[in-house]
PDB file of N, CA and C in Angstrom:
ATOM      1  N   MET A   1     -56.216  -2.961 115.139  1.00  0.00           N
ATOM      2  CA  MET A   1     -55.303  -3.896 114.522  1.00  0.00           C
ATOM      3  C   MET A   1     -54.682  -4.813 115.579  1.00  0.00           C
ATOM      4  N   ARG A   2     -54.275  -4.247 116.710  1.00  0.00           N
ATOM      5  CA  ARG A   2     -53.694  -5.072 117.771  1.00  0.00           C
ATOM      6  C   ARG A   2     -54.674  -6.130 118.240  1.00  0.00           C
ATOM      7  N   TYR A   3     -55.958  -5.743 118.335  1.00  0.00           N
ATOM      8  CA  TYR A   3     -56.976  -6.683 118.787  1.00  0.00           C
ATOM      9  C   TYR A   3     -57.105  -7.847 117.814  1.00  0.00           C
ATOM     10  N   VAL A   4     -57.072  -7.562 116.519  1.00  0.00           N
ATOM     11  CA  VAL A   4     -57.172  -8.608 115.498  1.00  0.00           C
ATOM     12  C   VAL A   4     -55.992  -9.561 115.606  1.00  0.00           C
ATOM     13  N   ILE A   5     -54.791  -9.020 115.755  1.00  0.00           N
ATOM     14  CA  ILE A   5     -53.598  -9.857 115.890  1.00  0.00           C
ATOM     15  C   ILE A   5     -53.688 -10.699 117.156  1.00  0.00           C
ATOM     16  N   ALA A   6     -54.097 -10.076 118.256  1.00  0.00           N
ATOM     17  CA  ALA A   6     -54.217 -10.805 119.520  1.00  0.00           C
ATOM     18  C   ALA A   6     -55.254 -11.915 119.413  1.00  0.00           C
ATOM     19  N   SER A   7     -56.388 -11.636 118.783  1.00  0.00           N
ATOM     20  CA  SER A   7     -57.434 -12.644 118.630  1.00  0.00           C
ATOM     21  C   SER A   7     -56.959 -13.814 117.792  1.00  0.00           C
ATOM     22  N   ALA A   8     -56.246 -13.522 116.710  1.00  0.00           N
ATOM     23  CA  ALA A   8     -55.718 -14.585 115.852  1.00  0.00           C
ATOM     24  C   ALA A   8     -54.693 -15.424 116.605  1.00  0.00           C
ATOM     25  N   LEU A   9     -53.849 -14.772 117.368  1.00  0.00           N
ATOM     26  CA  LEU A   9     -52.837 -15.479 118.152  1.00  0.00           C
ATOM     27  C   LEU A   9     -53.491 -16.394 119.178  1.00  0.00           C
ATOM     28  N   ILE A  10     -54.486 -15.902 119.864  1.00  0.00           N
ATOM     29  CA  ILE A  10     -55.171 -16.700 120.879  1.00  0.00           C
ATOM     30  C   ILE A  10     -55.899 -17.873 120.236  1.00  0.00           C
ATOM     31  N   ALA A  11     -56.547 -17.643 119.110  1.00  0.00           N
ATOM     32  CA  ALA A  11     -57.238 -18.732 118.416  1.00  0.00           C
ATOM     33  C   ALA A  11     -56.255 -19.816 118.015  1.00  0.00           C
ATOM     34  N   GLY A  12     -55.101 -19.414 117.535  1.00  0.00           N
ATOM     35  CA  GLY A  12     -54.070 -20.379 117.152  1.00  0.00           C
ATOM     36  C   GLY A  12     -53.559 -21.155 118.343  1.00  0.00           C
ATOM     37  N   LEU A  13     -53.338 -20.483 119.446  1.00  0.00           N
ATOM     38  CA  LEU A  13     -52.874 -21.159 120.656  1.00  0.00           C
ATOM     39  C   LEU A  13     -53.931 -22.127 121.179  1.00  0.00           C
ATOM     40  N   ALA A  14     -55.169 -21.708 121.170  1.00  0.00           N
ATOM     41  CA  ALA A  14     -56.242 -22.558 121.675  1.00  0.00           C
ATOM     42  C   ALA A  14     -56.411 -23.800 120.812  1.00  0.00           C
ATOM     43  N   ALA A  15     -56.223 -23.661 119.516  1.00  0.00           N
ATOM     44  CA  ALA A  15     -56.396 -24.788 118.604  1.00  0.00           C
ATOM     45  C   ALA A  15     -55.372 -25.879 118.847  1.00  0.00           C
ATOM     46  N   CYS A  16     -54.176 -25.520 119.271  1.00  0.00           N
ATOM     47  CA  CYS A  16     -53.133 -26.530 119.424  1.00  0.00           C
ATOM     48  C   CYS A  16     -52.788 -26.809 120.879  1.00  0.00           C
ATOM     49  N   SER A  17     -53.575 -26.333 121.805  1.00  0.00           N
ATOM     50  CA  SER A  17     -53.201 -26.485 123.202  1.00  0.00           C
ATOM     51  C   SER A  17     -53.998 -27.544 123.952  1.00  0.00           C
ATOM     52  N   GLY A  18     -54.892 -28.260 123.286  1.00  0.00           N
ATOM     53  CA  GLY A  18     -55.614 -29.342 123.938  1.00  0.00           C
ATOM     54  C   GLY A  18     -56.456 -28.862 125.098  1.00  0.00           C
ATOM     55  N   GLY A  19     -56.203 -29.388 126.306  1.00  0.00           N
ATOM     56  CA  GLY A  19     -57.000 -29.055 127.466  1.00  0.00           C
ATOM     57  C   GLY A  19     -56.481 -27.875 128.249  1.00  0.00           C
ATOM     58  N   SER A  20     -55.677 -27.054 127.667  1.00  0.00           N
ATOM     59  CA  SER A  20     -55.105 -25.929 128.397  1.00  0.00           C
ATOM     60  C   SER A  20     -56.012 -24.706 128.329  1.00  0.00           C
ATOM     61  N   LYS A  21     -55.673 -23.707 129.131  1.00  0.00           N
ATOM     62  CA  LYS A  21     -56.425 -22.449 129.193  1.00  0.00           C
ATOM     63  C   LYS A  21     -55.502 -21.316 128.774  1.00  0.00           C
ATOM     64  N   THR A  22     -55.997 -20.416 127.932  1.00  0.00           N
ATOM     65  CA  THR A  22     -55.205 -19.266 127.503  1.00  0.00           C
ATOM     66  C   THR A  22     -55.900 -17.981 127.931  1.00  0.00           C
ATOM     67  N   ALA A  23     -55.129 -17.040 128.451  1.00  0.00           N
ATOM     68  CA  ALA A  23     -55.641 -15.726 128.832  1.00  0.00           C
ATOM     69  C   ALA A  23     -54.678 -14.670 128.307  1.00  0.00           C
ATOM     70  N   THR A  24     -55.212 -13.500 127.967  1.00  0.00           N
ATOM     71  CA  THR A  24     -54.352 -12.401 127.534  1.00  0.00           C
ATOM     72  C   THR A  24     -54.243 -11.384 128.658  1.00  0.00           C
ATOM     73  N   PHE A  25     -53.104 -10.722 128.691  1.00  0.00           N
ATOM     74  CA  PHE A  25     -52.818  -9.730 129.721  1.00  0.00           C
ATOM     75  C   PHE A  25     -52.213  -8.495 129.084  1.00  0.00           C
ATOM     76  N   SER A  26     -52.553  -7.344 129.619  1.00  0.00           N
ATOM     77  CA  SER A  26     -51.943  -6.081 129.242  1.00  0.00           C
ATOM     78  C   SER A  26     -51.133  -5.606 130.439  1.00  0.00           C
ATOM     79  N   CYS A  27     -49.871  -5.313 130.185  1.00  0.00           N
ATOM     80  CA  CYS A  27     -48.968  -4.888 131.254  1.00  0.00           C
ATOM     81  C   CYS A  27     -48.618  -3.419 131.015  1.00  0.00           C
ATOM     82  N   PRO A  28     -49.246  -2.468 131.741  1.00  0.00           N
ATOM     83  CA  PRO A  28     -48.939  -1.054 131.533  1.00  0.00           C
ATOM     84  C   PRO A  28     -47.433  -0.801 131.594  1.00  0.00           C
ATOM     85  N   ASN A  29     -46.956  -0.007 130.665  1.00  0.00           N
ATOM     86  CA  ASN A  29     -45.525   0.281 130.526  1.00  0.00           C
ATOM     87  C   ASN A  29     -44.715  -0.973 130.222  1.00  0.00           C
ATOM     88  N   GLY A  30     -45.378  -1.995 129.726  1.00  0.00           N
ATOM     89  CA  GLY A  30     -44.711  -3.250 129.393  1.00  0.00           C
ATOM     90  C   GLY A  30     -45.406  -3.928 128.231  1.00  0.00           C
ATOM     91  N   PRO A  31     -45.178  -5.212 128.068  1.00  0.00           N
ATOM     92  CA  PRO A  31     -45.708  -5.925 126.911  1.00  0.00           C
ATOM     93  C   PRO A  31     -47.162  -6.357 127.077  1.00  0.00           C
ATOM     94  N   GLU A  32     -47.784  -6.690 125.953  1.00  0.00           N
ATOM     95  CA  GLU A  32     -49.046  -7.408 125.957  1.00  0.00           C
ATOM     96  C   GLU A  32     -48.674  -8.858 125.718  1.00  0.00           C
ATOM     97  N   ILE A  33     -49.285  -9.758 126.492  1.00  0.00           N
ATOM     98  CA  ILE A  33     -48.901 -11.161 126.424  1.00  0.00           C
ATOM     99  C   ILE A  33     -50.133 -12.059 126.424  1.00  0.00           C
ATOM    100  N   ALA A  34     -49.945 -13.271 125.941  1.00  0.00           N
ATOM    101  CA  ALA A  34     -50.922 -14.344 126.104  1.00  0.00           C
ATOM    102  C   ALA A  34     -50.233 -15.403 126.951  1.00  0.00           C
ATOM    103  N   VAL A  35     -50.952 -15.935 127.929  1.00  0.00           N
ATOM    104  CA  VAL A  35     -50.397 -16.978 128.789  1.00  0.00           C
ATOM    105  C   VAL A  35     -51.273 -18.213 128.632  1.00  0.00           C
ATOM    106  N   THR A  36     -50.644 -19.311 128.227  1.00  0.00           N
ATOM    107  CA  THR A  36     -51.340 -20.583 128.083  1.00  0.00           C
ATOM    108  C   THR A  36     -50.892 -21.495 129.216  1.00  0.00           C
ATOM    109  N   TYR A  37     -51.866 -21.911 130.025  1.00  0.00           N
ATOM    110  CA  TYR A  37     -51.577 -22.760 131.174  1.00  0.00           C
ATOM    111  C   TYR A  37     -51.829 -24.215 130.805  1.00  0.00           C
ATOM    112  N   ALA A  38     -50.897 -25.081 131.129  1.00  0.00           N
ATOM    113  CA  ALA A  38     -51.062 -26.529 131.012  1.00  0.00           C
ATOM    114  C   ALA A  38     -50.883 -27.098 132.419  1.00  0.00           C
ATOM    115  N   ASP A  39     -50.742 -28.408 132.536  1.00  0.00           N
ATOM    116  CA  ASP A  39     -50.661 -29.025 133.865  1.00  0.00           C
ATOM    117  C   ASP A  39     -49.594 -28.401 134.755  1.00  0.00           C
ATOM    118  N   ASP A  40     -48.368 -28.389 134.308  1.00  0.00           N
ATOM    119  CA  ASP A  40     -47.268 -27.892 135.138  1.00  0.00           C
ATOM    120  C   ASP A  40     -46.435 -26.821 134.458  1.00  0.00           C
ATOM    121  N   THR A  41     -46.997 -26.168 133.438  1.00  0.00           N
ATOM    122  CA  THR A  41     -46.265 -25.119 132.731  1.00  0.00           C
ATOM    123  C   THR A  41     -47.183 -23.951 132.398  1.00  0.00           C
ATOM    124  N   ALA A  42     -46.566 -22.827 132.158  1.00  0.00           N
ATOM    125  CA  ALA A  42     -47.245 -21.662 131.599  1.00  0.00           C
ATOM    126  C   ALA A  42     -46.383 -21.208 130.428  1.00  0.00           C
ATOM    127  N   THR A  43     -46.999 -21.062 129.263  1.00  0.00           N
ATOM    128  CA  THR A  43     -46.277 -20.575 128.097  1.00  0.00           C
ATOM    129  C   THR A  43     -46.664 -19.123 127.885  1.00  0.00           C
ATOM    130  N   VAL A  44     -45.685 -18.242 127.980  1.00  0.00           N
ATOM    131  CA  VAL A  44     -45.897 -16.809 127.806  1.00  0.00           C
ATOM    132  C   VAL A  44     -45.544 -16.473 126.362  1.00  0.00           C
ATOM    133  N   THR A  45     -46.525 -15.930 125.625  1.00  0.00           N
ATOM    134  CA  THR A  45     -46.310 -15.535 124.239  1.00  0.00           C
ATOM    135  C   THR A  45     -46.420 -14.023 124.157  1.00  0.00           C
ATOM    136  N   PHE A  46     -45.350 -13.396 123.738  1.00  0.00           N
ATOM    137  CA  PHE A  46     -45.326 -11.952 123.543  1.00  0.00           C
ATOM    138  C   PHE A  46     -45.882 -11.674 122.155  1.00  0.00           C
ATOM    139  N   PHE A  47     -46.613 -10.574 121.978  1.00  0.00           N
ATOM    140  CA  PHE A  47     -47.253 -10.312 120.702  1.00  0.00           C
ATOM    141  C   PHE A  47     -46.272  -9.978 119.595  1.00  0.00           C
ATOM    142  N   GLY A  48     -44.994  -9.884 119.905  1.00  0.00           N
ATOM    143  CA  GLY A  48     -43.969  -9.762 118.876  1.00  0.00           C
ATOM    144  C   GLY A  48     -43.557 -11.116 118.318  1.00  0.00           C
ATOM    145  N   GLY A  49     -44.021 -12.206 118.961  1.00  0.00           N
ATOM    146  CA  GLY A  49     -43.731 -13.538 118.478  1.00  0.00           C
ATOM    147  C   GLY A  49     -42.868 -14.385 119.404  1.00  0.00           C
ATOM    148  N   ARG A  50     -42.182 -13.778 120.342  1.00  0.00           N
ATOM    149  CA  ARG A  50     -41.332 -14.525 121.276  1.00  0.00           C
ATOM    150  C   ARG A  50     -42.192 -15.378 122.206  1.00  0.00           C
ATOM    151  N   THR A  51     -41.758 -16.604 122.455  1.00  0.00           N
ATOM    152  CA  THR A  51     -42.477 -17.528 123.323  1.00  0.00           C
ATOM    153  C   THR A  51     -41.522 -18.105 124.356  1.00  0.00           C
ATOM    154  N   GLU A  52     -41.966 -18.141 125.603  1.00  0.00           N
ATOM    155  CA  GLU A  52     -41.178 -18.714 126.700  1.00  0.00           C
ATOM    156  C   GLU A  52     -42.057 -19.692 127.471  1.00  0.00           C
ATOM    157  N   THR A  53     -41.606 -20.927 127.627  1.00  0.00           N
ATOM    158  CA  THR A  53     -42.325 -21.915 128.423  1.00  0.00           C
ATOM    159  C   THR A  53     -41.667 -22.004 129.796  1.00  0.00           C
ATOM    160  N   LEU A  54     -42.488 -21.781 130.821  1.00  0.00           N
ATOM    161  CA  LEU A  54     -41.994 -21.737 132.195  1.00  0.00           C
ATOM    162  C   LEU A  54     -42.585 -22.888 132.997  1.00  0.00           C
ATOM    163  N   PRO A  55     -41.761 -23.674 133.674  1.00  0.00           N
ATOM    164  CA  PRO A  55     -42.291 -24.730 134.538  1.00  0.00           C
ATOM    165  C   PRO A  55     -42.855 -24.140 135.834  1.00  0.00           C
ATOM    166  N   ARG A  56     -43.814 -24.877 136.414  1.00  0.00           N
ATOM    167  CA  ARG A  56     -44.373 -24.453 137.705  1.00  0.00           C
ATOM    168  C   ARG A  56     -43.247 -24.454 138.729  1.00  0.00           C
ATOM    169  N   PHE A  57     -43.120 -23.356 139.464  1.00  0.00           N
ATOM    170  CA  PHE A  57     -42.020 -23.184 140.407  1.00  0.00           C
ATOM    171  C   PHE A  57     -42.193 -24.026 141.661  1.00  0.00           C
ATOM    172  N   GLU A  58     -43.441 -24.099 142.141  1.00  0.00           N
ATOM    173  CA  GLU A  58     -43.719 -24.829 143.381  1.00  0.00           C
ATOM    174  C   GLU A  58     -45.090 -25.484 143.247  1.00  0.00           C
ATOM    175  N   PRO A  59     -45.200 -26.783 143.501  1.00  0.00           N
ATOM    176  CA  PRO A  59     -46.496 -27.459 143.375  1.00  0.00           C
ATOM    177  C   PRO A  59     -47.588 -26.741 144.167  1.00  0.00           C
ATOM    178  N   GLY A  60     -48.751 -26.597 143.538  1.00  0.00           N
ATOM    179  CA  GLY A  60     -49.881 -25.960 144.198  1.00  0.00           C
ATOM    180  C   GLY A  60     -49.884 -24.444 144.143  1.00  0.00           C
ATOM    181  N   LYS A  61     -48.825 -23.835 143.665  1.00  0.00           N
ATOM    182  CA  LYS A  61     -48.736 -22.371 143.569  1.00  0.00           C
ATOM    183  C   LYS A  61     -48.869 -21.955 142.106  1.00  0.00           C
ATOM    184  N   GLU A  62     -49.340 -20.765 141.869  1.00  0.00           N
ATOM    185  CA  GLU A  62     -49.501 -20.250 140.508  1.00  0.00           C
ATOM    186  C   GLU A  62     -48.312 -19.378 140.115  1.00  0.00           C
ATOM    187  N   THR A  63     -47.114 -19.883 140.380  1.00  0.00           N
ATOM    188  CA  THR A  63     -45.883 -19.193 140.002  1.00  0.00           C
ATOM    189  C   THR A  63     -45.097 -20.115 139.084  1.00  0.00           C
ATOM    190  N   TYR A  64     -44.658 -19.568 137.959  1.00  0.00           N
ATOM    191  CA  TYR A  64     -43.919 -20.316 136.947  1.00  0.00           C
ATOM    192  C   TYR A  64     -42.613 -19.577 136.707  1.00  0.00           C
ATOM    193  N   ALA A  65     -41.494 -20.313 136.624  1.00  0.00           N
ATOM    194  CA  ALA A  65     -40.212 -19.610 136.543  1.00  0.00           C
ATOM    195  C   ALA A  65     -39.149 -20.441 135.846  1.00  0.00           C
ATOM    196  N   LYS A  66     -38.208 -19.724 135.272  1.00  0.00           N
ATOM    197  CA  LYS A  66     -36.950 -20.280 134.788  1.00  0.00           C
ATOM    198  C   LYS A  66     -35.943 -19.143 134.900  1.00  0.00           C
ATOM    199  N   PRO A  67     -34.660 -19.424 134.777  1.00  0.00           N
ATOM    200  CA  PRO A  67     -33.675 -18.344 134.918  1.00  0.00           C
ATOM    201  C   PRO A  67     -33.985 -17.162 133.990  1.00  0.00           C
ATOM    202  N   GLY A  68     -34.110 -15.990 134.580  1.00  0.00           N
ATOM    203  CA  GLY A  68     -34.349 -14.772 133.813  1.00  0.00           C
ATOM    204  C   GLY A  68     -35.801 -14.403 133.598  1.00  0.00           C
ATOM    205  N   MET A  69     -36.748 -15.272 133.986  1.00  0.00           N
ATOM    206  CA  MET A  69     -38.158 -14.948 133.779  1.00  0.00           C
ATOM    207  C   MET A  69     -39.027 -15.617 134.832  1.00  0.00           C
ATOM    208  N   VAL A  70     -40.011 -14.840 135.324  1.00  0.00           N
ATOM    209  CA  VAL A  70     -40.996 -15.357 136.277  1.00  0.00           C
ATOM    210  C   VAL A  70     -42.366 -14.821 135.880  1.00  0.00           C
ATOM    211  N   TRP A  71     -43.375 -15.684 135.877  1.00  0.00           N
ATOM    212  CA  TRP A  71     -44.766 -15.272 135.714  1.00  0.00           C
ATOM    213  C   TRP A  71     -45.524 -15.802 136.918  1.00  0.00           C
ATOM    214  N   SER A  72     -46.307 -14.945 137.567  1.00  0.00           N
ATOM    215  CA  SER A  72     -47.120 -15.410 138.690  1.00  0.00           C
ATOM    216  C   SER A  72     -48.469 -14.721 138.663  1.00  0.00           C
ATOM    217  N   GLU A  73     -49.497 -15.482 139.035  1.00  0.00           N
ATOM    218  CA  GLU A  73     -50.817 -14.898 139.213  1.00  0.00           C
ATOM    219  C   GLU A  73     -50.825 -14.271 140.591  1.00  0.00           C
ATOM    220  N   THR A  74     -51.183 -12.998 140.657  1.00  0.00           N
ATOM    221  CA  THR A  74     -51.123 -12.287 141.934  1.00  0.00           C
ATOM    222  C   THR A  74     -52.490 -12.041 142.541  1.00  0.00           C
ATOM    223  N   GLY A  75     -53.539 -12.329 141.813  1.00  0.00           N
ATOM    224  CA  GLY A  75     -54.886 -12.114 142.306  1.00  0.00           C
ATOM    225  C   GLY A  75     -55.875 -12.437 141.214  1.00  0.00           C
ATOM    226  N   PHE A  76     -57.130 -12.108 141.452  1.00  0.00           N
ATOM    227  CA  PHE A  76     -58.164 -12.362 140.463  1.00  0.00           C
ATOM    228  C   PHE A  76     -57.921 -11.480 139.247  1.00  0.00           C
ATOM    229  N   ARG A  77     -57.597 -12.090 138.123  1.00  0.00           N
ATOM    230  CA  ARG A  77     -57.384 -11.412 136.837  1.00  0.00           C
ATOM    231  C   ARG A  77     -56.167 -10.486 136.830  1.00  0.00           C
ATOM    232  N   THR A  78     -55.180 -10.757 137.673  1.00  0.00           N
ATOM    233  CA  THR A  78     -53.945  -9.973 137.662  1.00  0.00           C
ATOM    234  C   THR A  78     -52.743 -10.910 137.736  1.00  0.00           C
ATOM    235  N   GLY A  79     -51.614 -10.408 137.286  1.00  0.00           N
ATOM    236  CA  GLY A  79     -50.392 -11.196 137.337  1.00  0.00           C
ATOM    237  C   GLY A  79     -49.173 -10.293 137.347  1.00  0.00           C
ATOM    238  N   ARG A  80     -48.020 -10.892 137.553  1.00  0.00           N
ATOM    239  CA  ARG A  80     -46.760 -10.145 137.538  1.00  0.00           C
ATOM    240  C   ARG A  80     -45.780 -10.889 136.656  1.00  0.00           C
ATOM    241  N   LEU A  81     -45.186 -10.142 135.720  1.00  0.00           N
ATOM    242  CA  LEU A  81     -44.174 -10.676 134.818  1.00  0.00           C
ATOM    243  C   LEU A  81     -42.843 -10.035 135.158  1.00  0.00           C
ATOM    244  N   THR A  82     -41.838 -10.860 135.426  1.00  0.00           N
ATOM    245  CA  THR A  82     -40.474 -10.378 135.606  1.00  0.00           C
ATOM    246  C   THR A  82     -39.663 -10.968 134.469  1.00  0.00           C
ATOM    247  N   ASP A  83     -39.119 -10.082 133.645  1.00  0.00           N
ATOM    248  CA  ASP A  83     -38.371 -10.481 132.454  1.00  0.00           C
ATOM    249  C   ASP A  83     -37.002  -9.823 132.539  1.00  0.00           C
ATOM    250  N   GLY A  84     -36.015 -10.592 132.951  1.00  0.00           N
ATOM    251  CA  GLY A  84     -34.691 -10.009 133.148  1.00  0.00           C
ATOM    252  C   GLY A  84     -34.718  -9.089 134.349  1.00  0.00           C
ATOM    253  N   THR A  85     -34.398  -7.828 134.141  1.00  0.00           N
ATOM    254  CA  THR A  85     -34.380  -6.872 135.247  1.00  0.00           C
ATOM    255  C   THR A  85     -35.646  -6.030 135.321  1.00  0.00           C
ATOM    256  N   SER A  86     -36.593  -6.245 134.400  1.00  0.00           N
ATOM    257  CA  SER A  86     -37.843  -5.482 134.396  1.00  0.00           C
ATOM    258  C   SER A  86     -38.971  -6.300 135.006  1.00  0.00           C
ATOM    259  N   SER A  87     -39.847  -5.626 135.750  1.00  0.00           N
ATOM    260  CA  SER A  87     -40.983  -6.286 136.368  1.00  0.00           C
ATOM    261  C   SER A  87     -42.241  -5.482 136.058  1.00  0.00           C
ATOM    262  N   TYR A  88     -43.324  -6.180 135.680  1.00  0.00           N
ATOM    263  CA  TYR A  88     -44.554  -5.521 135.265  1.00  0.00           C
ATOM    264  C   TYR A  88     -45.747  -6.124 135.990  1.00  0.00           C
ATOM    265  N   SER A  89     -46.656  -5.270 136.430  1.00  0.00           N
ATOM    266  CA  SER A  89     -47.937  -5.700 136.956  1.00  0.00           C
ATOM    267  C   SER A  89     -48.894  -5.747 135.772  1.00  0.00           C
ATOM    268  N   CYS A  90     -49.619  -6.857 135.597  1.00  0.00           N
ATOM    269  CA  CYS A  90     -50.424  -7.059 134.395  1.00  0.00           C
ATOM    270  C   CYS A  90     -51.886  -7.320 134.753  1.00  0.00           C
ATOM    271  N   ASP A  91     -52.788  -6.832 133.898  1.00  0.00           N
ATOM    272  CA  ASP A  91     -54.222  -7.035 134.069  1.00  0.00           C
ATOM    273  C   ASP A  91     -54.740  -7.940 132.964  1.00  0.00           C
ATOM    274  N   GLN A  92     -55.552  -8.919 133.349  1.00  0.00           N
ATOM    275  CA  GLN A  92     -56.115  -9.835 132.362  1.00  0.00           C
ATOM    276  C   GLN A  92     -57.137  -9.100 131.514  1.00  0.00           C
ATOM    277  N   THR A  93     -57.059  -9.277 130.194  1.00  0.00           N
ATOM    278  CA  THR A  93     -57.986  -8.613 129.285  1.00  0.00           C
ATOM    279  C   THR A  93     -58.983  -9.578 128.669  1.00  0.00           C
ATOM    280  N   SER A  94     -58.664 -10.875 128.612  1.00  0.00           N
ATOM    281  CA  SER A  94     -59.608 -11.869 128.101  1.00  0.00           C
ATOM    282  C   SER A  94     -59.171 -13.263 128.515  1.00  0.00           C
ATOM    283  N   VAL A  95     -60.119 -14.193 128.401  1.00  0.00           N
ATOM    284  CA  VAL A  95     -59.833 -15.605 128.695  1.00  0.00           C
ATOM    285  C   VAL A  95     -60.044 -16.387 127.431  1.00  0.00           C
TER     286      VAL A  95
END
């Protein structure tokens, strides 16, 4: 069931995101998220429905941030989500 919901969410994001790229991530002991990358933003969508758009923190870097939340790509198919006081290491599950 989670896979069906995630697939529908990603299809919806891809349909309205133009030239952007969307990837899903599973964060052990944390949330499952979809991240849609545009030119200078990353939109983090939690599978509960919450959405946060984060501006690129530093030109040329894959870190996106706003007060209370940071998303960064930490390696090939991995990322780190900091949401408030919680921080999660996440693995990419699909593109």
